[in-house]
Amino acid sequence: MTASGALAFDGQGWLWEWPLIGLGLMKPENFTVVLKTLTRHPRKGNLRWWKPWECVRLIEGGSVNKVGLTNPGIEYWCKEIAPYIDFGYFPIVVSILGNTPELVEMTRMLDRFDIRAIEVNDSCPNSGDPLKAAESAILSTKAVKRNSRHPIIYKVSAAQEYLVIARGLEGIAEAISINSVPLEMVFPKGDVNPLWKLEKRVGGGKGGVSGKPAQKHNWQAVEELAKQGALPIIAPSIMEFEDMAYVRSLGAKAVSFGAIHFPTYPIWRQPWTIFTNPCKPTQFVEKERRQHAKRNQSSTVF
């Protein structure tokens, strides 16, 4: 899977990704694509396209972001974006965030589209919205399920009571995915906050950490959720090819690619170009398919 927003609001990628897709270096059709999270009404958030570094910063091994769910709202998406999406070309998951009445309304609006699933995102660590308590998260997701013909994925944070939530959603959600990790969990001493100016200006949390610094917390959640066995788990924080096999050994049933698109930091350790990191998920999937085909061929021979 792609992490929410890696390929924009339509699965066709952001403007800078179009040449890579056109050249076949990025292949959205290889993935189940989770669209950038939508809210009931347009949300300005913190992202300004002409200066994205204000809300996204590189840290060693990954990134921290405080985008704040910048999006045009679900009504705009339904009228201006969804009609131009070929939902049969590759699986699309729509990610939504809001209070319970908003989630229910958005769910009903999505009913006419042939999407693969709805992702209920109650765990964004950089939007200023408080993380939902377990009981509230369960009730909201049950309300979404009652009003949807689509399967439901619940997006949890390592900072939430994820075992309680997963158990409460057994038989309700089809799977559970895992969000970026609140910066204060990764750096509890508070000595790292590259977005402190933005936090001081707008409030709403320090931001969410993705990539290698988030692996410890997210993969612990993967292992604990897998041992619990309530729901299938989609593992995040995939940065190297070997990470896919590792999280599956922990019990993950699927993997999600997000921060891998960003350069390695400090950048001189591994020079980054537009033709390297953004293409890694496609390369990883195709490499795994080749290995799988080779294993099948060997087993057939012997």
C-alpha atoms as a PDB file:
ATOM      1  CA  MET A   1       0.000   0.000   0.000  1.00  0.00           C
ATOM      2  CA  THR A   2       0.996   3.640  -0.258  1.00  0.00           C
ATOM      3  CA  ALA A   3       0.697   5.780   2.840  1.00  0.00           C
ATOM      4  CA  SER A   4      -2.072   8.363   2.877  1.00  0.00           C
ATOM      5  CA  GLY A   5      -1.210  11.204   0.511  1.00  0.00           C
ATOM      6  CA  ALA A   6       1.900   9.698  -1.101  1.00  0.00           C
ATOM      7  CA  LEU A   7       0.076   9.824  -4.447  1.00  0.00           C
ATOM      8  CA  ALA A   8      -2.099  12.898  -3.864  1.00  0.00           C
ATOM      9  CA  PHE A   9      -5.912  13.054  -3.839  1.00  0.00           C
ATOM     10  CA  ASP A  10      -6.463  10.909  -6.930  1.00  0.00           C
ATOM     11  CA  GLY A  11      -3.755   8.248  -6.924  1.00  0.00           C
ATOM     12  CA  GLN A  12      -2.117   9.812  -9.978  1.00  0.00           C
ATOM     13  CA  GLY A  13       0.646  11.401  -7.921  1.00  0.00           C
ATOM     14  CA  TRP A  14       1.776  14.949  -7.258  1.00  0.00           C
ATOM     15  CA  LEU A  15       2.974  17.180 -10.080  1.00  0.00           C
ATOM     16  CA  TRP A  16       6.635  16.351  -9.463  1.00  0.00           C
ATOM     17  CA  GLU A  17       5.838  12.625  -9.610  1.00  0.00           C
ATOM     18  CA  TRP A  18       4.126  12.722 -13.010  1.00  0.00           C
ATOM     19  CA  PRO A  19       7.338  12.419 -15.073  1.00  0.00           C
ATOM     20  CA  LEU A  20       8.380   9.369 -13.036  1.00  0.00           C
ATOM     21  CA  ILE A  21       4.976   7.752 -13.559  1.00  0.00           C
ATOM     22  CA  GLY A  22       5.069   8.599 -17.258  1.00  0.00           C
ATOM     23  CA  LEU A  23       8.490   6.936 -17.567  1.00  0.00           C
ATOM     24  CA  GLY A  24       7.272   3.840 -15.715  1.00  0.00           C
ATOM     25  CA  LEU A  25       9.682   4.398 -12.829  1.00  0.00           C
ATOM     26  CA  MET A  26       6.773   4.799 -10.409  1.00  0.00           C
ATOM     27  CA  LYS A  27       3.818   2.475 -10.960  1.00  0.00           C
ATOM     28  CA  PRO A  28       0.722   3.318  -8.892  1.00  0.00           C
ATOM     29  CA  GLU A  29      -0.973   0.238 -10.340  1.00  0.00           C
ATOM     30  CA  ASN A  30       1.408  -1.924  -8.256  1.00  0.00           C
ATOM     31  CA  PHE A  31      -0.244  -0.721  -5.052  1.00  0.00           C
ATOM     32  CA  THR A  32      -3.426  -0.204  -3.149  1.00  0.00           C
ATOM     33  CA  VAL A  33      -3.374   3.600  -3.013  1.00  0.00           C
ATOM     34  CA  VAL A  34      -4.529   5.448   0.098  1.00  0.00           C
ATOM     35  CA  LEU A  35      -5.488   9.003  -0.856  1.00  0.00           C
ATOM     36  CA  LYS A  36      -4.548  12.055   1.179  1.00  0.00           C
ATOM     37  CA  THR A  37      -6.908  12.414   4.134  1.00  0.00           C
ATOM     38  CA  LEU A  38     -10.103  14.388   3.522  1.00  0.00           C
ATOM     39  CA  THR A  39     -12.213  16.306   6.034  1.00  0.00           C
ATOM     40  CA  ARG A  40     -15.867  17.311   5.768  1.00  0.00           C
ATOM     41  CA  HIS A  41     -14.978  20.921   4.967  1.00  0.00           C
ATOM     42  CA  PRO A  42     -11.877  22.428   3.327  1.00  0.00           C
ATOM     43  CA  ARG A  43      -8.964  22.659   5.692  1.00  0.00           C
ATOM     44  CA  LYS A  44      -6.131  25.118   5.215  1.00  0.00           C
ATOM     45  CA  GLY A  45      -3.691  23.310   7.477  1.00  0.00           C
ATOM     46  CA  ASN A  46      -0.050  24.399   7.514  1.00  0.00           C
ATOM     47  CA  LEU A  47       1.121  23.412   4.037  1.00  0.00           C
ATOM     48  CA  ARG A  48       1.954  26.226   1.655  1.00  0.00           C
ATOM     49  CA  TRP A  49       2.986  24.820  -1.720  1.00  0.00           C
ATOM     50  CA  TRP A  50       5.557  27.562  -2.292  1.00  0.00           C
ATOM     51  CA  LYS A  51       7.363  26.834   1.009  1.00  0.00           C
ATOM     52  CA  PRO A  52       6.686  23.222   2.083  1.00  0.00           C
ATOM     53  CA  TRP A  53       9.782  23.202   4.311  1.00  0.00           C
ATOM     54  CA  GLU A  54       7.811  25.201   6.879  1.00  0.00           C
ATOM     55  CA  CYS A  55       5.817  22.097   7.832  1.00  0.00           C
ATOM     56  CA  VAL A  56       7.991  19.208   6.620  1.00  0.00           C
ATOM     57  CA  ARG A  57      11.595  18.750   7.722  1.00  0.00           C
ATOM     58  CA  LEU A  58      14.106  15.977   7.204  1.00  0.00           C
ATOM     59  CA  ILE A  59      15.638  14.318  10.248  1.00  0.00           C
ATOM     60  CA  GLU A  60      18.186  11.542  10.306  1.00  0.00           C
ATOM     61  CA  GLY A  61      16.593   8.457   8.782  1.00  0.00           C
ATOM     62  CA  GLY A  62      13.220  10.027   8.095  1.00  0.00           C
ATOM     63  CA  SER A  63      11.099  13.136   8.421  1.00  0.00           C
ATOM     64  CA  VAL A  64       8.841  15.089  10.738  1.00  0.00           C
ATOM     65  CA  ASN A  65       5.745  16.779   9.377  1.00  0.00           C
ATOM     66  CA  LYS A  66       3.127  19.150  10.654  1.00  0.00           C
ATOM     67  CA  VAL A  67       1.104  19.498   7.447  1.00  0.00           C
ATOM     68  CA  GLY A  68      -2.091  19.682   9.460  1.00  0.00           C
ATOM     69  CA  LEU A  69      -4.339  17.850   6.978  1.00  0.00           C
ATOM     70  CA  THR A  70      -4.378  20.509   4.268  1.00  0.00           C
ATOM     71  CA  ASN A  71      -7.152  19.385   1.890  1.00  0.00           C
ATOM     72  CA  PRO A  72      -9.993  20.775  -0.262  1.00  0.00           C
ATOM     73  CA  GLY A  73     -12.773  18.991   1.631  1.00  0.00           C
ATOM     74  CA  ILE A  74     -14.713  15.913   0.639  1.00  0.00           C
ATOM     75  CA  GLU A  75     -17.458  17.783  -1.218  1.00  0.00           C
ATOM     76  CA  TYR A  76     -14.895  19.238  -3.635  1.00  0.00           C
ATOM     77  CA  TRP A  77     -13.273  15.811  -3.979  1.00  0.00           C
ATOM     78  CA  CYS A  78     -16.605  14.148  -4.841  1.00  0.00           C
ATOM     79  CA  LYS A  79     -17.471  16.768  -7.465  1.00  0.00           C
ATOM     80  CA  GLU A  80     -14.128  17.760  -8.982  1.00  0.00           C
ATOM     81  CA  ILE A  81     -11.704  14.851  -8.475  1.00  0.00           C
ATOM     82  CA  ALA A  82     -13.550  11.547  -8.070  1.00  0.00           C
ATOM     83  CA  PRO A  83     -15.383  11.687 -11.442  1.00  0.00           C
ATOM     84  CA  TYR A  84     -12.003  11.583 -13.212  1.00  0.00           C
ATOM     85  CA  ILE A  85     -10.596   8.606 -11.281  1.00  0.00           C
ATOM     86  CA  ASP A  86     -10.642   5.186 -12.922  1.00  0.00           C
ATOM     87  CA  PHE A  87     -11.482   3.123  -9.847  1.00  0.00           C
ATOM     88  CA  GLY A  88     -11.021  -0.082 -11.823  1.00  0.00           C
ATOM     89  CA  TYR A  89      -7.397   0.651 -12.731  1.00  0.00           C
ATOM     90  CA  PHE A  90      -5.995   0.122  -9.254  1.00  0.00           C
ATOM     91  CA  PRO A  91      -7.499  -0.187  -5.752  1.00  0.00           C
ATOM     92  CA  ILE A  92      -8.281   3.136  -4.069  1.00  0.00           C
ATOM     93  CA  VAL A  93      -8.759   3.697  -0.333  1.00  0.00           C
ATOM     94  CA  VAL A  94     -10.210   7.041   0.780  1.00  0.00           C
ATOM     95  CA  SER A  95      -8.944   8.354   4.125  1.00  0.00           C
ATOM     96  CA  ILE A  96     -11.300  10.531   6.195  1.00  0.00           C
ATOM     97  CA  LEU A  97     -11.068  12.400   9.506  1.00  0.00           C
ATOM     98  CA  GLY A  98     -13.690  14.159  11.606  1.00  0.00           C
ATOM     99  CA  ASN A  99     -16.071  13.846  14.520  1.00  0.00           C
ATOM    100  CA  THR A 100     -18.692  11.102  14.424  1.00  0.00           C
ATOM    101  CA  PRO A 101     -21.453  13.045  12.569  1.00  0.00           C
ATOM    102  CA  GLU A 102     -18.891  14.267  10.014  1.00  0.00           C
ATOM    103  CA  LEU A 103     -17.507  10.769   9.522  1.00  0.00           C
ATOM    104  CA  VAL A 104     -20.995   9.379   8.954  1.00  0.00           C
ATOM    105  CA  GLU A 105     -21.854  12.115   6.459  1.00  0.00           C
ATOM    106  CA  MET A 106     -18.603  11.606   4.548  1.00  0.00           C
ATOM    107  CA  THR A 107     -19.133   7.842   4.547  1.00  0.00           C
ATOM    108  CA  ARG A 108     -22.529   8.267   2.905  1.00  0.00           C
ATOM    109  CA  MET A 109     -21.047  10.615   0.321  1.00  0.00           C
ATOM    110  CA  LEU A 110     -18.484   7.946  -0.609  1.00  0.00           C
ATOM    111  CA  ASP A 111     -21.064   5.210  -1.010  1.00  0.00           C
ATOM    112  CA  ARG A 112     -21.539   5.798  -4.742  1.00  0.00           C
ATOM    113  CA  PHE A 113     -17.854   5.339  -5.570  1.00  0.00           C
ATOM    114  CA  ASP A 114     -16.256   1.961  -6.226  1.00  0.00           C
ATOM    115  CA  ILE A 115     -13.414   2.404  -3.775  1.00  0.00           C
ATOM    116  CA  ARG A 116     -11.717  -0.543  -2.105  1.00  0.00           C
ATOM    117  CA  ALA A 117     -12.100   0.700   1.483  1.00  0.00           C
ATOM    118  CA  ILE A 118     -12.500   3.699   3.776  1.00  0.00           C
ATOM    119  CA  GLU A 119      -9.664   4.530   6.153  1.00  0.00           C
ATOM    120  CA  VAL A 120     -10.849   6.199   9.355  1.00  0.00           C
ATOM    121  CA  ASN A 121      -7.974   8.444  10.427  1.00  0.00           C
ATOM    122  CA  ASP A 122      -8.418   9.357  14.079  1.00  0.00           C
ATOM    123  CA  SER A 123      -4.727   9.564  14.839  1.00  0.00           C
ATOM    124  CA  CYS A 124      -3.090  12.417  12.947  1.00  0.00           C
ATOM    125  CA  PRO A 125      -0.356  13.741  15.284  1.00  0.00           C
ATOM    126  CA  ASN A 126       0.131  17.055  13.503  1.00  0.00           C
ATOM    127  CA  SER A 127      -3.346  18.448  12.950  1.00  0.00           C
ATOM    128  CA  GLY A 128      -4.134  19.898  16.365  1.00  0.00           C
ATOM    129  CA  ASP A 129      -6.993  17.414  16.820  1.00  0.00           C
ATOM    130  CA  PRO A 130      -6.691  15.395  20.038  1.00  0.00           C
ATOM    131  CA  LEU A 131      -6.092  11.678  19.604  1.00  0.00           C
ATOM    132  CA  LYS A 132      -9.378   9.923  20.194  1.00  0.00           C
ATOM    133  CA  ALA A 133      -9.732   7.860  23.331  1.00  0.00           C
ATOM    134  CA  ALA A 134     -10.325   4.169  22.725  1.00  0.00           C
ATOM    135  CA  GLU A 135     -14.064   4.184  23.459  1.00  0.00           C
ATOM    136  CA  SER A 136     -14.702   7.210  21.244  1.00  0.00           C
ATOM    137  CA  ALA A 137     -12.611   5.731  18.417  1.00  0.00           C
ATOM    138  CA  ILE A 138     -14.544   2.468  18.551  1.00  0.00           C
ATOM    139  CA  LEU A 139     -17.944   4.178  18.578  1.00  0.00           C
ATOM    140  CA  SER A 140     -17.015   6.455  15.641  1.00  0.00           C
ATOM    141  CA  THR A 141     -15.770   3.550  13.550  1.00  0.00           C
ATOM    142  CA  LYS A 142     -18.855   1.474  14.315  1.00  0.00           C
ATOM    143  CA  ALA A 143     -20.984   4.394  13.108  1.00  0.00           C
ATOM    144  CA  VAL A 144     -18.978   4.513   9.878  1.00  0.00           C
ATOM    145  CA  LYS A 145     -19.432   0.763   9.396  1.00  0.00           C
ATOM    146  CA  ARG A 146     -23.204   0.974   9.860  1.00  0.00           C
ATOM    147  CA  ASN A 147     -23.430   3.582   7.109  1.00  0.00           C
ATOM    148  CA  SER A 148     -21.003   2.125   4.579  1.00  0.00           C
ATOM    149  CA  ARG A 149     -21.025  -0.630   1.992  1.00  0.00           C
ATOM    150  CA  HIS A 150     -17.230  -0.484   1.921  1.00  0.00           C
ATOM    151  CA  PRO A 151     -14.711  -2.289   4.135  1.00  0.00           C
ATOM    152  CA  ILE A 152     -13.217  -0.170   6.921  1.00  0.00           C
ATOM    153  CA  ILE A 153      -9.573   0.307   7.874  1.00  0.00           C
ATOM    154  CA  TYR A 154      -8.863   2.029  11.170  1.00  0.00           C
ATOM    155  CA  LYS A 155      -5.709   4.154  11.339  1.00  0.00           C
ATOM    156  CA  VAL A 156      -4.248   4.063  14.827  1.00  0.00           C
ATOM    157  CA  SER A 157      -1.332   5.831  16.502  1.00  0.00           C
ATOM    158  CA  ALA A 158       1.317   4.224  18.680  1.00  0.00           C
ATOM    159  CA  ALA A 159       0.282   6.866  21.220  1.00  0.00           C
ATOM    160  CA  GLN A 160      -3.262   5.465  21.441  1.00  0.00           C
ATOM    161  CA  GLU A 161      -4.564   2.412  23.285  1.00  0.00           C
ATOM    162  CA  TYR A 162      -4.227   0.448  20.084  1.00  0.00           C
ATOM    163  CA  LEU A 163      -4.809  -2.998  21.602  1.00  0.00           C
ATOM    164  CA  VAL A 164      -8.066  -1.851  23.188  1.00  0.00           C
ATOM    165  CA  ILE A 165      -9.164  -0.213  19.931  1.00  0.00           C
ATOM    166  CA  ALA A 166      -8.292  -3.264  17.817  1.00  0.00           C
ATOM    167  CA  ARG A 167     -10.172  -5.579  20.150  1.00  0.00           C
ATOM    168  CA  GLY A 168     -13.182  -3.266  20.111  1.00  0.00           C
ATOM    169  CA  LEU A 169     -13.199  -3.182  16.306  1.00  0.00           C
ATOM    170  CA  GLU A 170     -12.927  -6.946  15.818  1.00  0.00           C
ATOM    171  CA  GLY A 171     -15.617  -7.877  13.292  1.00  0.00           C
ATOM    172  CA  ILE A 172     -16.129  -4.183  12.454  1.00  0.00           C
ATOM    173  CA  ALA A 173     -12.925  -3.108  10.702  1.00  0.00           C
ATOM    174  CA  GLU A 174     -11.188  -5.205   8.056  1.00  0.00           C
ATOM    175  CA  ALA A 175      -7.696  -4.112   9.078  1.00  0.00           C
ATOM    176  CA  ILE A 176      -5.730  -1.664  11.179  1.00  0.00           C
ATOM    177  CA  SER A 177      -3.038   0.668   9.821  1.00  0.00           C
ATOM    178  CA  ILE A 178      -0.518   2.680  11.809  1.00  0.00           C
ATOM    179  CA  ASN A 179       0.175   6.407  11.570  1.00  0.00           C
ATOM    180  CA  SER A 180       3.319   8.464  12.046  1.00  0.00           C
ATOM    181  CA  VAL A 181       4.548   8.730  15.639  1.00  0.00           C
ATOM    182  CA  PRO A 182       4.151  11.922  17.707  1.00  0.00           C
ATOM    183  CA  LEU A 183       7.537  13.615  17.892  1.00  0.00           C
ATOM    184  CA  GLU A 184       7.489  13.731  21.700  1.00  0.00           C
ATOM    185  CA  MET A 185       7.363   9.895  21.782  1.00  0.00           C
ATOM    186  CA  VAL A 186      10.428   9.554  19.549  1.00  0.00           C
ATOM    187  CA  PHE A 187      12.370  12.332  21.281  1.00  0.00           C
ATOM    188  CA  PRO A 188      10.976  12.355  24.837  1.00  0.00           C
ATOM    189  CA  LYS A 189      13.603  14.748  26.172  1.00  0.00           C
ATOM    190  CA  GLY A 190      12.326  17.446  23.851  1.00  0.00           C
ATOM    191  CA  ASP A 191      15.754  18.212  22.474  1.00  0.00           C
ATOM    192  CA  VAL A 192      14.653  17.816  18.836  1.00  0.00           C
ATOM    193  CA  ASN A 193      11.885  19.915  17.367  1.00  0.00           C
ATOM    194  CA  PRO A 194      12.744  21.188  13.880  1.00  0.00           C
ATOM    195  CA  LEU A 195       9.258  22.666  13.530  1.00  0.00           C
ATOM    196  CA  TRP A 196       9.289  24.633  16.796  1.00  0.00           C
ATOM    197  CA  LYS A 197       8.607  27.937  15.044  1.00  0.00           C
ATOM    198  CA  LEU A 198       5.495  26.526  13.397  1.00  0.00           C
ATOM    199  CA  GLU A 199       4.363  24.917  16.662  1.00  0.00           C
ATOM    200  CA  LYS A 200       4.803  28.218  18.483  1.00  0.00           C
ATOM    201  CA  ARG A 201       2.751  30.024  15.846  1.00  0.00           C
ATOM    202  CA  VAL A 202      -0.140  27.594  15.333  1.00  0.00           C
ATOM    203  CA  GLY A 203      -0.009  25.141  18.281  1.00  0.00           C
ATOM    204  CA  GLY A 204      -1.516  21.689  17.862  1.00  0.00           C
ATOM    205  CA  GLY A 205       1.360  19.342  18.655  1.00  0.00           C
ATOM    206  CA  LYS A 206       4.976  19.057  17.636  1.00  0.00           C
ATOM    207  CA  GLY A 207       4.396  16.966  14.496  1.00  0.00           C
ATOM    208  CA  GLY A 208       4.552  13.366  13.361  1.00  0.00           C
ATOM    209  CA  VAL A 209       7.748  11.377  12.785  1.00  0.00           C
ATOM    210  CA  SER A 210       8.041   8.916   9.905  1.00  0.00           C
ATOM    211  CA  GLY A 211      10.793   6.649   8.638  1.00  0.00           C
ATOM    212  CA  LYS A 212      13.502   4.868  10.618  1.00  0.00           C
ATOM    213  CA  PRO A 213      13.085   6.930  13.831  1.00  0.00           C
ATOM    214  CA  ALA A 214       9.454   5.758  13.981  1.00  0.00           C
ATOM    215  CA  GLN A 215      10.215   2.077  13.436  1.00  0.00           C
ATOM    216  CA  LYS A 216      10.825   1.192  17.086  1.00  0.00           C
ATOM    217  CA  HIS A 217       7.394   2.410  18.198  1.00  0.00           C
ATOM    218  CA  ASN A 218       5.429   1.386  15.119  1.00  0.00           C
ATOM    219  CA  TRP A 219       6.921  -2.072  14.826  1.00  0.00           C
ATOM    220  CA  GLN A 220       6.338  -2.722  18.515  1.00  0.00           C
ATOM    221  CA  ALA A 221       2.684  -1.915  17.849  1.00  0.00           C
ATOM    222  CA  VAL A 222       2.698  -4.260  14.829  1.00  0.00           C
ATOM    223  CA  GLU A 223       4.073  -7.125  16.917  1.00  0.00           C
ATOM    224  CA  GLU A 224       1.666  -6.595  19.812  1.00  0.00           C
ATOM    225  CA  LEU A 225      -1.350  -6.249  17.518  1.00  0.00           C
ATOM    226  CA  ALA A 226      -0.364  -9.391  15.611  1.00  0.00           C
ATOM    227  CA  LYS A 227      -0.030 -11.386  18.839  1.00  0.00           C
ATOM    228  CA  GLN A 228      -3.431 -10.131  19.921  1.00  0.00           C
ATOM    229  CA  GLY A 229      -4.907 -11.353  16.627  1.00  0.00           C
ATOM    230  CA  ALA A 230      -8.008  -9.151  16.568  1.00  0.00           C
ATOM    231  CA  LEU A 231      -7.359  -7.518  13.181  1.00  0.00           C
ATOM    232  CA  PRO A 232      -4.912  -7.871  10.264  1.00  0.00           C
ATOM    233  CA  ILE A 233      -2.159  -5.234  10.483  1.00  0.00           C
ATOM    234  CA  ILE A 234      -0.742  -2.979   7.770  1.00  0.00           C
ATOM    235  CA  ALA A 235       2.839  -2.192   8.806  1.00  0.00           C
ATOM    236  CA  PRO A 236       4.332   1.257   8.144  1.00  0.00           C
ATOM    237  CA  SER A 237       7.883   2.663   8.220  1.00  0.00           C
ATOM    238  CA  ILE A 238       9.211   0.543   5.346  1.00  0.00           C
ATOM    239  CA  MET A 239      12.553   2.080   4.360  1.00  0.00           C
ATOM    240  CA  GLU A 240      14.594  -0.852   3.011  1.00  0.00           C
ATOM    241  CA  PHE A 241      13.692  -3.963   1.010  1.00  0.00           C
ATOM    242  CA  GLU A 242      14.477  -6.200   3.990  1.00  0.00           C
ATOM    243  CA  ASP A 243      11.999  -4.299   6.159  1.00  0.00           C
ATOM    244  CA  MET A 244       9.083  -5.941   4.335  1.00  0.00           C
ATOM    245  CA  ALA A 245      10.153  -9.441   5.351  1.00  0.00           C
ATOM    246  CA  TYR A 246      10.893  -8.277   8.889  1.00  0.00           C
ATOM    247  CA  VAL A 247       7.468  -6.765   9.576  1.00  0.00           C
ATOM    248  CA  ARG A 248       5.816  -9.821   8.070  1.00  0.00           C
ATOM    249  CA  SER A 249       7.844 -11.934  10.496  1.00  0.00           C
ATOM    250  CA  LEU A 250       6.261  -9.817  13.243  1.00  0.00           C
ATOM    251  CA  GLY A 251       2.814 -10.703  11.900  1.00  0.00           C
ATOM    252  CA  ALA A 252       1.947  -7.895   9.464  1.00  0.00           C
ATOM    253  CA  LYS A 253      -0.346  -8.879   6.590  1.00  0.00           C
ATOM    254  CA  ALA A 254       0.509  -5.882   4.390  1.00  0.00           C
ATOM    255  CA  VAL A 255       3.047  -3.061   4.196  1.00  0.00           C
ATOM    256  CA  SER A 256       2.765   0.678   3.595  1.00  0.00           C
ATOM    257  CA  PHE A 257       5.251   3.045   1.925  1.00  0.00           C
ATOM    258  CA  GLY A 258       5.428   6.685   3.035  1.00  0.00           C
ATOM    259  CA  ALA A 259       8.567   8.494   4.203  1.00  0.00           C
ATOM    260  CA  ILE A 260      10.733   6.369   1.911  1.00  0.00           C
ATOM    261  CA  HIS A 261      10.051   9.023  -0.754  1.00  0.00           C
ATOM    262  CA  PHE A 262      12.203  11.559   1.106  1.00  0.00           C
ATOM    263  CA  PRO A 263      15.999  11.925   0.865  1.00  0.00           C
ATOM    264  CA  THR A 264      18.319  10.395   3.415  1.00  0.00           C
ATOM    265  CA  TYR A 265      19.484  12.989   5.941  1.00  0.00           C
ATOM    266  CA  PRO A 266      22.172  14.260   6.170  1.00  0.00           C
ATOM    267  CA  ILE A 267      21.888  14.272   2.402  1.00  0.00           C
ATOM    268  CA  TRP A 268      25.634  13.781   1.798  1.00  0.00           C
ATOM    269  CA  ARG A 269      25.404  10.254   3.238  1.00  0.00           C
ATOM    270  CA  GLN A 270      23.354   9.088   0.285  1.00  0.00           C
ATOM    271  CA  PRO A 271      22.925  11.515  -2.615  1.00  0.00           C
ATOM    272  CA  TRP A 272      19.261  11.859  -3.521  1.00  0.00           C
ATOM    273  CA  THR A 273      17.707  12.543  -6.881  1.00  0.00           C
ATOM    274  CA  ILE A 274      14.147  12.471  -8.123  1.00  0.00           C
ATOM    275  CA  PHE A 275      14.992   9.118  -9.746  1.00  0.00           C
ATOM    276  CA  THR A 276      16.026   7.302  -6.563  1.00  0.00           C
ATOM    277  CA  ASN A 277      13.947   7.314  -3.373  1.00  0.00           C
ATOM    278  CA  PRO A 278      10.509   7.967  -4.927  1.00  0.00           C
ATOM    279  CA  CYS A 279      10.972   4.912  -7.146  1.00  0.00           C
ATOM    280  CA  LYS A 280      12.022   2.536  -4.357  1.00  0.00           C
ATOM    281  CA  PRO A 281       8.533   1.199  -3.524  1.00  0.00           C
ATOM    282  CA  THR A 282       7.986   0.223  -7.169  1.00  0.00           C
ATOM    283  CA  GLN A 283      11.444  -1.358  -7.282  1.00  0.00           C
ATOM    284  CA  PHE A 284      10.824  -3.254  -4.035  1.00  0.00           C
ATOM    285  CA  VAL A 285       7.481  -4.656  -5.207  1.00  0.00           C
ATOM    286  CA  GLU A 286       8.893  -5.758  -8.545  1.00  0.00           C
ATOM    287  CA  LYS A 287      11.945  -7.335  -6.867  1.00  0.00           C
ATOM    288  CA  GLU A 288       9.686  -9.257  -4.503  1.00  0.00           C
ATOM    289  CA  ARG A 289       7.570 -10.469  -7.416  1.00  0.00           C
ATOM    290  CA  ARG A 290      10.688 -11.720  -9.214  1.00  0.00           C
ATOM    291  CA  GLN A 291      11.828 -13.563  -6.099  1.00  0.00           C
ATOM    292  CA  HIS A 292       8.370 -15.072  -5.645  1.00  0.00           C
ATOM    293  CA  ALA A 293       8.274 -16.228  -9.278  1.00  0.00           C
ATOM    294  CA  LYS A 294      11.743 -17.740  -8.924  1.00  0.00           C
ATOM    295  CA  ARG A 295      10.727 -19.644  -5.783  1.00  0.00           C
ATOM    296  CA  ASN A 296       7.610 -20.959  -7.520  1.00  0.00           C
ATOM    297  CA  GLN A 297       9.665 -22.049 -10.506  1.00  0.00           C
ATOM    298  CA  SER A 298      12.145 -23.858  -8.248  1.00  0.00           C
ATOM    299  CA  SER A 299       9.400 -25.659  -6.338  1.00  0.00           C
ATOM    300  CA  THR A 300       7.822 -26.755  -9.616  1.00  0.00           C
ATOM    301  CA  VAL A 301      11.119 -28.168 -10.867  1.00  0.00           C
ATOM    302  CA  PHE A 302      11.827 -30.141  -7.699  1.00  0.00           C
END
